[in-house]
Amino acid sequence: MSAATSSLAALRSALHQAWSQRSPREQQLLSLATAVVLLAALWSLALAPAWRTWQEAPERQTRLDAKTQHMRQLQAQAKGLQKASPITRAEALQWLESSVKDLGPGAKIQAQGERATLSVEAAPAAPMARWLSQARERAQALPLQAQLQQTQPAAKGPASPAGPSATAAVAPSDKAADVHWRGTVVLRLPGTP
């Protein structure tokens, strides 16, 4: 401990001697440079991180609010599914048969025992997703198996005089709206294990 104290005292006396050898102008400039370095260190280590956090807080709060709202919606949906009153197989089939028309003219449903098979020819993607969600919620029918392929919708109206190349030049945003599905989905009806 005494060696450390003596080396500290030697360092202090060397610094004091170097300081006293400087002219008053150099001492003033060195004091100013030290103050600038200390202020820069204070800013970068203490103030800048707090300033960034304060500036980012509203955006983070907005994101957290959106996540919280989404989680509450999921929670409400889960509670709704838990509290769903059981329905009979006949009620489920009735709902499935009455709602299948939303999927286009080629859509049909066939019941075989504890399962129902949905067949679609050119069902639009958005109504298909909505129908599957509602089948789970309203008819309590759970999808077991799906064999779907993306297909082009049937042509509507008269053929274009420009030929097939005119239909190929569709804008990318229009293609997303024209996604259709063909195939089958097997659903488990309620009341079956």
N, C-alpha and C. Protein backbone atom coordinates (compact mmCIF):
# COMPACT_ATOMS: atom_id res chain seq x y z
N MET A 1 0.82 -1.18 0.00
CA MET A 1 0.00 0.00 0.00
C MET A 1 0.86 1.25 0.00
N SER A 2 1.98 1.22 0.73
CA SER A 2 2.86 2.38 0.78
C SER A 2 3.56 2.60 -0.55
N ALA A 3 3.81 1.54 -1.33
CA ALA A 3 4.44 1.68 -2.64
C ALA A 3 3.48 2.38 -3.59
N ALA A 4 2.20 2.03 -3.52
CA ALA A 4 1.20 2.67 -4.37
C ALA A 4 1.04 4.14 -3.99
N THR A 5 1.06 4.43 -2.68
CA THR A 5 0.94 5.80 -2.22
C THR A 5 2.14 6.62 -2.66
N SER A 6 3.34 6.04 -2.58
CA SER A 6 4.54 6.78 -2.97
C SER A 6 4.57 7.00 -4.47
N SER A 7 4.11 6.03 -5.28
CA SER A 7 4.11 6.23 -6.73
C SER A 7 3.05 7.27 -7.13
N LEU A 8 1.93 7.30 -6.41
CA LEU A 8 0.91 8.32 -6.66
C LEU A 8 1.44 9.71 -6.31
N ALA A 9 2.15 9.79 -5.21
CA ALA A 9 2.73 11.08 -4.82
C ALA A 9 3.77 11.53 -5.82
N ALA A 10 4.56 10.58 -6.35
CA ALA A 10 5.58 10.92 -7.35
C ALA A 10 4.92 11.41 -8.63
N LEU A 11 3.82 10.75 -9.04
CA LEU A 11 3.10 11.16 -10.24
C LEU A 11 2.50 12.55 -10.06
N ARG A 12 1.94 12.78 -8.88
CA ARG A 12 1.33 14.08 -8.59
C ARG A 12 2.39 15.19 -8.63
N SER A 13 3.55 14.94 -8.07
CA SER A 13 4.59 15.98 -8.08
C SER A 13 5.13 16.20 -9.49
N ALA A 14 5.21 15.14 -10.30
CA ALA A 14 5.67 15.30 -11.69
C ALA A 14 4.66 16.13 -12.49
N LEU A 15 3.37 15.87 -12.28
CA LEU A 15 2.34 16.65 -12.98
C LEU A 15 2.36 18.11 -12.53
N HIS A 16 2.54 18.31 -11.23
CA HIS A 16 2.58 19.69 -10.71
C HIS A 16 3.79 20.42 -11.28
N GLN A 17 4.93 19.74 -11.38
CA GLN A 17 6.13 20.36 -11.93
C GLN A 17 5.92 20.68 -13.42
N ALA A 18 5.30 19.74 -14.19
CA ALA A 18 5.05 19.99 -15.62
C ALA A 18 4.06 21.15 -15.78
N TRP A 19 3.08 21.23 -14.91
CA TRP A 19 2.08 22.30 -14.97
C TRP A 19 2.73 23.66 -14.69
N SER A 20 3.60 23.68 -13.68
CA SER A 20 4.23 24.95 -13.32
C SER A 20 5.22 25.42 -14.37
N GLN A 21 5.74 24.51 -15.19
CA GLN A 21 6.67 24.89 -16.25
C GLN A 21 5.94 25.50 -17.45
N ARG A 22 4.64 25.34 -17.56
CA ARG A 22 3.86 25.88 -18.68
C ARG A 22 3.58 27.35 -18.46
N SER A 23 3.45 28.05 -19.58
CA SER A 23 3.13 29.47 -19.49
C SER A 23 1.65 29.61 -19.12
N PRO A 24 1.25 30.77 -18.61
CA PRO A 24 -0.16 30.95 -18.25
C PRO A 24 -1.11 30.71 -19.43
N ARG A 25 -0.70 31.06 -20.62
CA ARG A 25 -1.55 30.84 -21.80
C ARG A 25 -1.71 29.34 -22.06
N GLU A 26 -0.60 28.58 -21.98
CA GLU A 26 -0.68 27.13 -22.17
C GLU A 26 -1.54 26.49 -21.08
N GLN A 27 -1.40 26.97 -19.85
CA GLN A 27 -2.21 26.45 -18.75
C GLN A 27 -3.70 26.69 -19.03
N GLN A 28 -4.01 27.85 -19.55
CA GLN A 28 -5.40 28.18 -19.85
C GLN A 28 -5.93 27.28 -20.97
N LEU A 29 -5.14 27.07 -22.02
CA LEU A 29 -5.55 26.21 -23.13
C LEU A 29 -5.70 24.74 -22.67
N LEU A 30 -4.77 24.28 -21.84
CA LEU A 30 -4.87 22.91 -21.33
C LEU A 30 -6.12 22.76 -20.44
N SER A 31 -6.43 23.77 -19.65
CA SER A 31 -7.63 23.73 -18.81
C SER A 31 -8.88 23.68 -19.69
N LEU A 32 -8.90 24.49 -20.73
CA LEU A 32 -10.03 24.50 -21.65
C LEU A 32 -10.17 23.15 -22.37
N ALA A 33 -9.06 22.58 -22.84
CA ALA A 33 -9.09 21.28 -23.52
C ALA A 33 -9.58 20.19 -22.57
N THR A 34 -9.14 20.22 -21.33
CA THR A 34 -9.59 19.24 -20.33
C THR A 34 -11.09 19.37 -20.09
N ALA A 35 -11.57 20.60 -20.01
CA ALA A 35 -13.00 20.83 -19.80
C ALA A 35 -13.81 20.31 -20.99
N VAL A 36 -13.32 20.55 -22.21
CA VAL A 36 -14.02 20.07 -23.41
C VAL A 36 -14.06 18.54 -23.42
N VAL A 37 -12.94 17.90 -23.11
CA VAL A 37 -12.89 16.43 -23.09
C VAL A 37 -13.83 15.88 -22.03
N LEU A 38 -13.85 16.50 -20.85
CA LEU A 38 -14.75 16.04 -19.79
C LEU A 38 -16.23 16.23 -20.17
N LEU A 39 -16.55 17.36 -20.81
CA LEU A 39 -17.92 17.59 -21.26
C LEU A 39 -18.32 16.58 -22.34
N ALA A 40 -17.40 16.29 -23.27
CA ALA A 40 -17.69 15.30 -24.32
C ALA A 40 -17.91 13.92 -23.70
N ALA A 41 -17.10 13.56 -22.73
CA ALA A 41 -17.26 12.26 -22.06
C ALA A 41 -18.58 12.22 -21.30
N LEU A 42 -18.92 13.29 -20.62
CA LEU A 42 -20.19 13.36 -19.90
C LEU A 42 -21.36 13.22 -20.87
N TRP A 43 -21.28 13.90 -22.02
CA TRP A 43 -22.37 13.82 -22.99
C TRP A 43 -22.50 12.40 -23.54
N SER A 44 -21.38 11.81 -23.99
CA SER A 44 -21.46 10.51 -24.65
C SER A 44 -21.78 9.37 -23.68
N LEU A 45 -21.37 9.49 -22.43
CA LEU A 45 -21.60 8.40 -21.48
C LEU A 45 -22.88 8.54 -20.67
N ALA A 46 -23.31 9.76 -20.41
CA ALA A 46 -24.46 9.93 -19.52
C ALA A 46 -25.67 10.57 -20.22
N LEU A 47 -25.45 11.64 -20.94
CA LEU A 47 -26.59 12.40 -21.47
C LEU A 47 -27.12 11.88 -22.81
N ALA A 48 -26.24 11.50 -23.74
CA ALA A 48 -26.68 11.08 -25.07
C ALA A 48 -27.57 9.83 -25.01
N PRO A 49 -27.22 8.78 -24.27
CA PRO A 49 -28.13 7.62 -24.21
C PRO A 49 -29.50 7.97 -23.64
N ALA A 50 -29.52 8.81 -22.63
CA ALA A 50 -30.81 9.21 -22.05
C ALA A 50 -31.60 10.04 -23.06
N TRP A 51 -30.93 10.90 -23.80
CA TRP A 51 -31.60 11.73 -24.82
C TRP A 51 -32.20 10.86 -25.92
N ARG A 52 -31.43 9.85 -26.40
CA ARG A 52 -31.95 8.95 -27.43
C ARG A 52 -33.17 8.18 -26.91
N THR A 53 -33.09 7.69 -25.70
CA THR A 53 -34.22 6.96 -25.12
C THR A 53 -35.44 7.85 -25.03
N TRP A 54 -35.25 9.07 -24.63
CA TRP A 54 -36.37 10.01 -24.50
C TRP A 54 -36.99 10.31 -25.87
N GLN A 55 -36.16 10.43 -26.90
CA GLN A 55 -36.68 10.70 -28.24
C GLN A 55 -37.38 9.48 -28.83
N GLU A 56 -36.92 8.28 -28.54
CA GLU A 56 -37.51 7.06 -29.09
C GLU A 56 -38.73 6.59 -28.30
N ALA A 57 -38.97 7.15 -27.14
CA ALA A 57 -40.05 6.68 -26.27
C ALA A 57 -41.43 6.73 -26.92
N PRO A 58 -41.82 7.80 -27.60
CA PRO A 58 -43.18 7.80 -28.20
C PRO A 58 -43.36 6.69 -29.24
N GLU A 59 -42.36 6.48 -30.07
CA GLU A 59 -42.46 5.41 -31.09
C GLU A 59 -42.53 4.04 -30.43
N ARG A 60 -41.71 3.82 -29.44
CA ARG A 60 -41.74 2.54 -28.72
C ARG A 60 -43.09 2.35 -28.03
N GLN A 61 -43.62 3.41 -27.46
CA GLN A 61 -44.92 3.31 -26.78
C GLN A 61 -46.02 2.96 -27.77
N THR A 62 -45.96 3.55 -28.96
CA THR A 62 -46.95 3.25 -30.00
C THR A 62 -46.87 1.78 -30.40
N ARG A 63 -45.64 1.27 -30.60
CA ARG A 63 -45.47 -0.14 -30.96
C ARG A 63 -45.97 -1.04 -29.84
N LEU A 64 -45.66 -0.70 -28.60
CA LEU A 64 -46.12 -1.51 -27.47
C LEU A 64 -47.63 -1.48 -27.34
N ASP A 65 -48.23 -0.32 -27.58
CA ASP A 65 -49.69 -0.22 -27.54
C ASP A 65 -50.33 -1.10 -28.60
N ALA A 66 -49.74 -1.10 -29.80
CA ALA A 66 -50.27 -1.94 -30.88
C ALA A 66 -50.14 -3.42 -30.53
N LYS A 67 -49.00 -3.81 -29.97
CA LYS A 67 -48.81 -5.21 -29.56
C LYS A 67 -49.79 -5.59 -28.45
N THR A 68 -49.99 -4.67 -27.52
CA THR A 68 -50.93 -4.93 -26.43
C THR A 68 -52.34 -5.10 -26.97
N GLN A 69 -52.73 -4.24 -27.90
CA GLN A 69 -54.06 -4.34 -28.49
C GLN A 69 -54.22 -5.67 -29.22
N HIS A 70 -53.19 -6.08 -29.96
CA HIS A 70 -53.24 -7.36 -30.67
C HIS A 70 -53.35 -8.53 -29.68
N MET A 71 -52.59 -8.46 -28.60
CA MET A 71 -52.66 -9.52 -27.59
C MET A 71 -54.03 -9.57 -26.94
N ARG A 72 -54.65 -8.42 -26.71
CA ARG A 72 -56.00 -8.39 -26.13
C ARG A 72 -57.02 -8.99 -27.09
N GLN A 73 -56.85 -8.72 -28.39
CA GLN A 73 -57.74 -9.31 -29.37
C GLN A 73 -57.59 -10.83 -29.39
N LEU A 74 -56.34 -11.29 -29.35
CA LEU A 74 -56.11 -12.74 -29.31
C LEU A 74 -56.68 -13.36 -28.04
N GLN A 75 -56.54 -12.65 -26.93
CA GLN A 75 -57.09 -13.15 -25.66
C GLN A 75 -58.61 -13.23 -25.74
N ALA A 76 -59.24 -12.21 -26.30
CA ALA A 76 -60.71 -12.23 -26.42
C ALA A 76 -61.15 -13.35 -27.35
N GLN A 77 -60.39 -13.57 -28.42
CA GLN A 77 -60.73 -14.65 -29.35
C GLN A 77 -60.57 -16.01 -28.66
N ALA A 78 -59.51 -16.16 -27.89
CA ALA A 78 -59.30 -17.43 -27.18
C ALA A 78 -60.41 -17.67 -26.16
N LYS A 79 -60.79 -16.63 -25.43
CA LYS A 79 -61.88 -16.78 -24.46
C LYS A 79 -63.18 -17.12 -25.17
N GLY A 80 -63.41 -16.51 -26.33
CA GLY A 80 -64.61 -16.80 -27.09
C GLY A 80 -64.64 -18.25 -27.56
N LEU A 81 -63.48 -18.75 -27.96
CA LEU A 81 -63.41 -20.14 -28.39
C LEU A 81 -63.58 -21.10 -27.22
N GLN A 82 -63.09 -20.72 -26.05
CA GLN A 82 -63.23 -21.57 -24.87
C GLN A 82 -64.68 -21.64 -24.41
N LYS A 83 -65.38 -20.52 -24.52
CA LYS A 83 -66.74 -20.45 -24.02
C LYS A 83 -67.78 -20.84 -25.08
N ALA A 84 -67.32 -21.18 -26.28
CA ALA A 84 -68.26 -21.50 -27.34
C ALA A 84 -69.13 -22.69 -26.92
N SER A 85 -70.43 -22.48 -27.04
CA SER A 85 -71.33 -23.56 -26.66
C SER A 85 -71.26 -24.63 -27.74
N PRO A 86 -71.22 -25.87 -27.32
CA PRO A 86 -71.11 -26.94 -28.30
C PRO A 86 -72.33 -26.97 -29.21
N ILE A 87 -72.09 -27.24 -30.47
CA ILE A 87 -73.20 -27.35 -31.41
C ILE A 87 -73.25 -28.79 -31.91
N THR A 88 -74.37 -29.15 -32.44
CA THR A 88 -74.53 -30.52 -32.93
C THR A 88 -73.90 -30.66 -34.30
N ARG A 89 -73.70 -31.90 -34.70
CA ARG A 89 -73.15 -32.20 -36.02
C ARG A 89 -74.07 -31.66 -37.11
N ALA A 90 -75.38 -31.79 -36.91
CA ALA A 90 -76.35 -31.32 -37.90
C ALA A 90 -76.28 -29.80 -38.06
N GLU A 91 -76.15 -29.07 -36.94
CA GLU A 91 -76.04 -27.61 -37.01
C GLU A 91 -74.76 -27.19 -37.74
N ALA A 92 -73.68 -27.90 -37.46
CA ALA A 92 -72.41 -27.60 -38.12
C ALA A 92 -72.52 -27.84 -39.62
N LEU A 93 -73.10 -28.97 -40.01
CA LEU A 93 -73.27 -29.26 -41.43
C LEU A 93 -74.17 -28.23 -42.11
N GLN A 94 -75.21 -27.83 -41.42
CA GLN A 94 -76.12 -26.83 -41.98
C GLN A 94 -75.37 -25.53 -42.24
N TRP A 95 -74.55 -25.09 -41.28
CA TRP A 95 -73.79 -23.85 -41.49
C TRP A 95 -72.80 -24.02 -42.62
N LEU A 96 -72.07 -25.13 -42.65
CA LEU A 96 -71.08 -25.35 -43.69
C LEU A 96 -71.74 -25.35 -45.08
N GLU A 97 -72.87 -26.03 -45.22
CA GLU A 97 -73.55 -26.10 -46.52
C GLU A 97 -74.11 -24.75 -46.94
N SER A 98 -74.62 -23.98 -45.99
CA SER A 98 -75.20 -22.68 -46.36
C SER A 98 -74.13 -21.64 -46.67
N SER A 99 -72.96 -21.77 -46.12
CA SER A 99 -71.92 -20.75 -46.32
C SER A 99 -70.96 -21.08 -47.45
N VAL A 100 -71.01 -22.30 -47.97
CA VAL A 100 -70.06 -22.70 -49.00
C VAL A 100 -70.26 -21.92 -50.30
N LYS A 101 -71.41 -21.31 -50.50
CA LYS A 101 -71.67 -20.53 -51.71
C LYS A 101 -70.76 -19.30 -51.79
N ASP A 102 -70.22 -18.86 -50.66
CA ASP A 102 -69.30 -17.71 -50.66
C ASP A 102 -67.98 -18.02 -51.37
N LEU A 103 -67.71 -19.30 -51.62
CA LEU A 103 -66.44 -19.70 -52.21
C LEU A 103 -66.51 -19.90 -53.71
N GLY A 104 -67.63 -19.55 -54.31
CA GLY A 104 -67.75 -19.65 -55.75
C GLY A 104 -68.63 -20.81 -56.18
N PRO A 105 -68.95 -20.84 -57.48
CA PRO A 105 -69.88 -21.85 -57.98
C PRO A 105 -69.32 -23.27 -57.95
N GLY A 106 -68.02 -23.44 -57.98
CA GLY A 106 -67.44 -24.78 -57.98
C GLY A 106 -67.22 -25.35 -56.60
N ALA A 107 -67.67 -24.66 -55.56
CA ALA A 107 -67.44 -25.12 -54.18
C ALA A 107 -68.59 -26.02 -53.73
N LYS A 108 -68.22 -27.13 -53.11
CA LYS A 108 -69.25 -28.03 -52.55
C LYS A 108 -68.67 -28.73 -51.33
N ILE A 109 -69.57 -29.17 -50.46
CA ILE A 109 -69.16 -29.84 -49.23
C ILE A 109 -69.88 -31.18 -49.16
N GLN A 110 -69.13 -32.21 -48.76
CA GLN A 110 -69.69 -33.56 -48.62
C GLN A 110 -69.33 -34.08 -47.23
N ALA A 111 -70.34 -34.59 -46.54
CA ALA A 111 -70.13 -35.13 -45.20
C ALA A 111 -70.01 -36.65 -45.28
N GLN A 112 -69.02 -37.20 -44.57
CA GLN A 112 -68.83 -38.64 -44.48
C GLN A 112 -68.46 -38.97 -43.05
N GLY A 113 -69.42 -39.44 -42.30
CA GLY A 113 -69.18 -39.79 -40.90
C GLY A 113 -68.80 -38.58 -40.08
N GLU A 114 -67.64 -38.63 -39.47
CA GLU A 114 -67.19 -37.54 -38.60
C GLU A 114 -66.43 -36.45 -39.33
N ARG A 115 -66.34 -36.57 -40.64
CA ARG A 115 -65.59 -35.59 -41.42
C ARG A 115 -66.44 -35.00 -42.53
N ALA A 116 -66.04 -33.80 -42.93
CA ALA A 116 -66.66 -33.13 -44.07
C ALA A 116 -65.53 -32.70 -44.99
N THR A 117 -65.75 -32.89 -46.30
CA THR A 117 -64.72 -32.55 -47.28
C THR A 117 -65.22 -31.39 -48.13
N LEU A 118 -64.47 -30.31 -48.13
CA LEU A 118 -64.76 -29.14 -48.94
C LEU A 118 -63.96 -29.25 -50.22
N SER A 119 -64.63 -29.14 -51.36
CA SER A 119 -63.96 -29.14 -52.67
C SER A 119 -64.18 -27.78 -53.31
N VAL A 120 -63.12 -27.18 -53.79
CA VAL A 120 -63.22 -25.87 -54.46
C VAL A 120 -62.51 -25.96 -55.80
N GLU A 121 -63.04 -25.20 -56.77
CA GLU A 121 -62.44 -25.15 -58.11
C GLU A 121 -61.62 -23.89 -58.31
N ALA A 122 -62.16 -22.74 -57.93
CA ALA A 122 -61.45 -21.47 -58.10
C ALA A 122 -61.93 -20.51 -57.00
N ALA A 123 -61.64 -20.86 -55.76
CA ALA A 123 -62.08 -20.04 -54.63
C ALA A 123 -61.09 -18.90 -54.41
N PRO A 124 -61.57 -17.65 -54.33
CA PRO A 124 -60.66 -16.53 -54.04
C PRO A 124 -60.02 -16.70 -52.67
N ALA A 125 -58.77 -16.27 -52.55
CA ALA A 125 -57.99 -16.51 -51.33
C ALA A 125 -58.61 -15.85 -50.10
N ALA A 126 -59.00 -14.59 -50.19
CA ALA A 126 -59.52 -13.89 -49.00
C ALA A 126 -60.82 -14.52 -48.50
N PRO A 127 -61.82 -14.78 -49.37
CA PRO A 127 -63.02 -15.45 -48.87
C PRO A 127 -62.74 -16.86 -48.35
N MET A 128 -61.76 -17.54 -48.93
CA MET A 128 -61.40 -18.89 -48.47
C MET A 128 -60.84 -18.83 -47.05
N ALA A 129 -59.96 -17.89 -46.79
CA ALA A 129 -59.39 -17.74 -45.44
C ALA A 129 -60.47 -17.36 -44.44
N ARG A 130 -61.35 -16.44 -44.84
CA ARG A 130 -62.44 -16.03 -43.97
C ARG A 130 -63.38 -17.20 -43.68
N TRP A 131 -63.70 -18.00 -44.70
CA TRP A 131 -64.59 -19.14 -44.53
C TRP A 131 -63.98 -20.17 -43.58
N LEU A 132 -62.69 -20.46 -43.73
CA LEU A 132 -62.04 -21.42 -42.84
C LEU A 132 -62.05 -20.93 -41.39
N SER A 133 -61.82 -19.64 -41.20
CA SER A 133 -61.85 -19.08 -39.85
C SER A 133 -63.25 -19.18 -39.26
N GLN A 134 -64.25 -18.85 -40.05
CA GLN A 134 -65.63 -18.91 -39.55
C GLN A 134 -66.07 -20.36 -39.36
N ALA A 135 -65.59 -21.28 -40.17
CA ALA A 135 -65.93 -22.69 -39.98
C ALA A 135 -65.41 -23.17 -38.63
N ARG A 136 -64.24 -22.69 -38.25
CA ARG A 136 -63.68 -23.07 -36.95
C ARG A 136 -64.48 -22.45 -35.81
N GLU A 137 -64.86 -21.18 -35.98
CA GLU A 137 -65.55 -20.47 -34.90
C GLU A 137 -67.04 -20.82 -34.82
N ARG A 138 -67.74 -20.79 -35.95
CA ARG A 138 -69.19 -20.96 -35.94
C ARG A 138 -69.64 -22.41 -35.97
N ALA A 139 -68.99 -23.21 -36.82
CA ALA A 139 -69.39 -24.61 -36.95
C ALA A 139 -68.51 -25.52 -36.10
N GLN A 140 -67.49 -24.97 -35.47
CA GLN A 140 -66.54 -25.72 -34.64
C GLN A 140 -65.96 -26.89 -35.41
N ALA A 141 -65.73 -26.69 -36.70
CA ALA A 141 -65.13 -27.69 -37.57
C ALA A 141 -63.65 -27.36 -37.70
N LEU A 142 -62.81 -28.33 -37.39
CA LEU A 142 -61.37 -28.10 -37.40
C LEU A 142 -60.74 -28.71 -38.65
N PRO A 143 -59.91 -27.95 -39.38
CA PRO A 143 -59.25 -28.51 -40.55
C PRO A 143 -58.28 -29.61 -40.15
N LEU A 144 -58.36 -30.74 -40.83
CA LEU A 144 -57.45 -31.86 -40.58
C LEU A 144 -56.42 -31.99 -41.68
N GLN A 145 -56.85 -31.73 -42.90
CA GLN A 145 -55.97 -31.94 -44.04
C GLN A 145 -56.37 -30.99 -45.15
N ALA A 146 -55.38 -30.46 -45.87
CA ALA A 146 -55.67 -29.58 -46.99
C ALA A 146 -54.76 -29.94 -48.15
N GLN A 147 -55.35 -30.04 -49.31
CA GLN A 147 -54.60 -30.25 -50.55
C GLN A 147 -55.07 -29.18 -51.51
N LEU A 148 -54.37 -28.07 -51.53
CA LEU A 148 -54.77 -26.92 -52.33
C LEU A 148 -53.65 -26.53 -53.28
N GLN A 149 -54.06 -26.07 -54.44
CA GLN A 149 -53.11 -25.56 -55.42
C GLN A 149 -53.58 -24.19 -55.87
N GLN A 150 -52.63 -23.31 -56.08
CA GLN A 150 -52.98 -21.98 -56.56
C GLN A 150 -53.35 -22.10 -58.03
N THR A 151 -54.41 -21.42 -58.43
CA THR A 151 -54.89 -21.50 -59.81
C THR A 151 -55.30 -20.13 -60.29
N GLN A 152 -55.46 -20.00 -61.58
CA GLN A 152 -55.93 -18.74 -62.16
C GLN A 152 -57.45 -18.76 -62.16
N PRO A 153 -58.08 -17.60 -61.91
CA PRO A 153 -59.54 -17.56 -61.94
C PRO A 153 -60.05 -17.75 -63.36
N ALA A 154 -61.27 -18.18 -63.44
CA ALA A 154 -61.89 -18.33 -64.76
C ALA A 154 -62.03 -16.96 -65.40
N ALA A 155 -61.88 -16.92 -66.71
CA ALA A 155 -61.98 -15.63 -67.43
C ALA A 155 -63.40 -15.11 -67.34
N LYS A 156 -63.52 -13.82 -67.11
CA LYS A 156 -64.83 -13.18 -67.00
C LYS A 156 -65.00 -12.26 -68.19
N GLY A 157 -66.15 -12.30 -68.82
CA GLY A 157 -66.44 -11.39 -69.92
C GLY A 157 -65.85 -11.89 -71.21
N PRO A 158 -65.98 -11.09 -72.30
CA PRO A 158 -65.47 -11.52 -73.60
C PRO A 158 -63.96 -11.51 -73.63
N ALA A 159 -63.41 -12.32 -74.52
CA ALA A 159 -61.95 -12.42 -74.65
C ALA A 159 -61.40 -11.11 -75.17
N SER A 160 -60.21 -10.80 -74.75
CA SER A 160 -59.57 -9.56 -75.16
C SER A 160 -59.11 -9.67 -76.60
N PRO A 161 -59.31 -8.63 -77.43
CA PRO A 161 -58.87 -8.70 -78.82
C PRO A 161 -57.35 -8.71 -78.92
N ALA A 162 -56.65 -8.31 -77.88
CA ALA A 162 -55.20 -8.28 -77.94
C ALA A 162 -54.60 -9.67 -77.79
N GLY A 163 -55.37 -10.65 -77.41
CA GLY A 163 -54.87 -12.01 -77.30
C GLY A 163 -54.37 -12.32 -75.92
N PRO A 164 -53.70 -13.49 -75.76
CA PRO A 164 -53.26 -13.93 -74.45
C PRO A 164 -52.19 -13.06 -73.83
N SER A 165 -51.41 -12.35 -74.62
CA SER A 165 -50.36 -11.51 -74.05
C SER A 165 -50.94 -10.35 -73.25
N ALA A 166 -52.15 -9.95 -73.53
CA ALA A 166 -52.76 -8.84 -72.80
C ALA A 166 -53.08 -9.25 -71.38
N THR A 167 -53.47 -10.49 -71.17
CA THR A 167 -53.76 -10.94 -69.81
C THR A 167 -52.49 -11.20 -69.02
N ALA A 168 -51.39 -11.45 -69.69
CA ALA A 168 -50.13 -11.70 -69.00
C ALA A 168 -49.53 -10.42 -68.46
N ALA A 169 -49.92 -9.27 -68.98
CA ALA A 169 -49.35 -8.00 -68.54
C ALA A 169 -50.21 -7.38 -67.45
N VAL A 170 -50.47 -8.14 -66.41
CA VAL A 170 -51.27 -7.65 -65.29
C VAL A 170 -50.34 -7.05 -64.25
N ALA A 171 -50.76 -5.97 -63.65
CA ALA A 171 -49.94 -5.32 -62.63
C ALA A 171 -49.76 -6.23 -61.43
N PRO A 172 -48.61 -6.17 -60.72
CA PRO A 172 -48.37 -7.04 -59.56
C PRO A 172 -49.44 -6.91 -58.49
N SER A 173 -49.97 -5.70 -58.26
CA SER A 173 -50.98 -5.53 -57.23
C SER A 173 -52.27 -6.23 -57.62
N ASP A 174 -52.56 -6.32 -58.95
CA ASP A 174 -53.76 -7.03 -59.40
C ASP A 174 -53.59 -8.53 -59.23
N LYS A 175 -52.38 -9.05 -59.38
CA LYS A 175 -52.15 -10.48 -59.23
C LYS A 175 -52.43 -10.94 -57.81
N ALA A 176 -52.10 -10.11 -56.82
CA ALA A 176 -52.35 -10.49 -55.43
C ALA A 176 -53.85 -10.64 -55.17
N ALA A 177 -54.66 -9.83 -55.82
CA ALA A 177 -56.10 -9.90 -55.63
C ALA A 177 -56.69 -11.08 -56.40
N ASP A 178 -55.96 -11.63 -57.38
CA ASP A 178 -56.46 -12.72 -58.21
C ASP A 178 -55.96 -14.09 -57.77
N VAL A 179 -55.50 -14.24 -56.55
CA VAL A 179 -55.07 -15.56 -56.08
C VAL A 179 -56.31 -16.39 -55.80
N HIS A 180 -56.36 -17.55 -56.41
CA HIS A 180 -57.49 -18.47 -56.23
C HIS A 180 -56.94 -19.85 -55.89
N TRP A 181 -57.77 -20.67 -55.25
CA TRP A 181 -57.35 -22.00 -54.81
C TRP A 181 -58.25 -23.06 -55.40
N ARG A 182 -57.65 -24.21 -55.71
CA ARG A 182 -58.36 -25.37 -56.20
C ARG A 182 -57.88 -26.55 -55.37
N GLY A 183 -58.81 -27.41 -54.96
CA GLY A 183 -58.42 -28.59 -54.20
C GLY A 183 -59.45 -28.94 -53.15
N THR A 184 -58.98 -29.62 -52.08
CA THR A 184 -59.89 -30.09 -51.03
C THR A 184 -59.34 -29.75 -49.65
N VAL A 185 -60.27 -29.60 -48.72
CA VAL A 185 -59.95 -29.40 -47.30
C VAL A 185 -60.83 -30.37 -46.52
N VAL A 186 -60.22 -31.19 -45.68
CA VAL A 186 -60.97 -32.13 -44.85
C VAL A 186 -61.12 -31.51 -43.47
N LEU A 187 -62.37 -31.45 -42.97
CA LEU A 187 -62.68 -30.84 -41.68
C LEU A 187 -63.22 -31.92 -40.73
N ARG A 188 -62.86 -31.80 -39.46
CA ARG A 188 -63.43 -32.67 -38.43
C ARG A 188 -64.65 -31.96 -37.86
N LEU A 189 -65.76 -32.64 -37.87
CA LEU A 189 -67.02 -32.03 -37.37
C LEU A 189 -67.05 -32.07 -35.86
N PRO A 190 -67.83 -31.18 -35.24
CA PRO A 190 -67.90 -31.16 -33.78
C PRO A 190 -68.62 -32.41 -33.24
N GLY A 191 -68.32 -32.69 -32.00
CA GLY A 191 -68.93 -33.84 -31.35
C GLY A 191 -68.20 -35.13 -31.64
N THR A 192 -67.06 -35.04 -32.34
CA THR A 192 -66.27 -36.23 -32.61
C THR A 192 -64.90 -36.06 -31.99
N PRO A 193 -64.34 -37.08 -31.42
CA PRO A 193 -63.04 -36.94 -30.75
C PRO A 193 -61.90 -36.78 -31.73
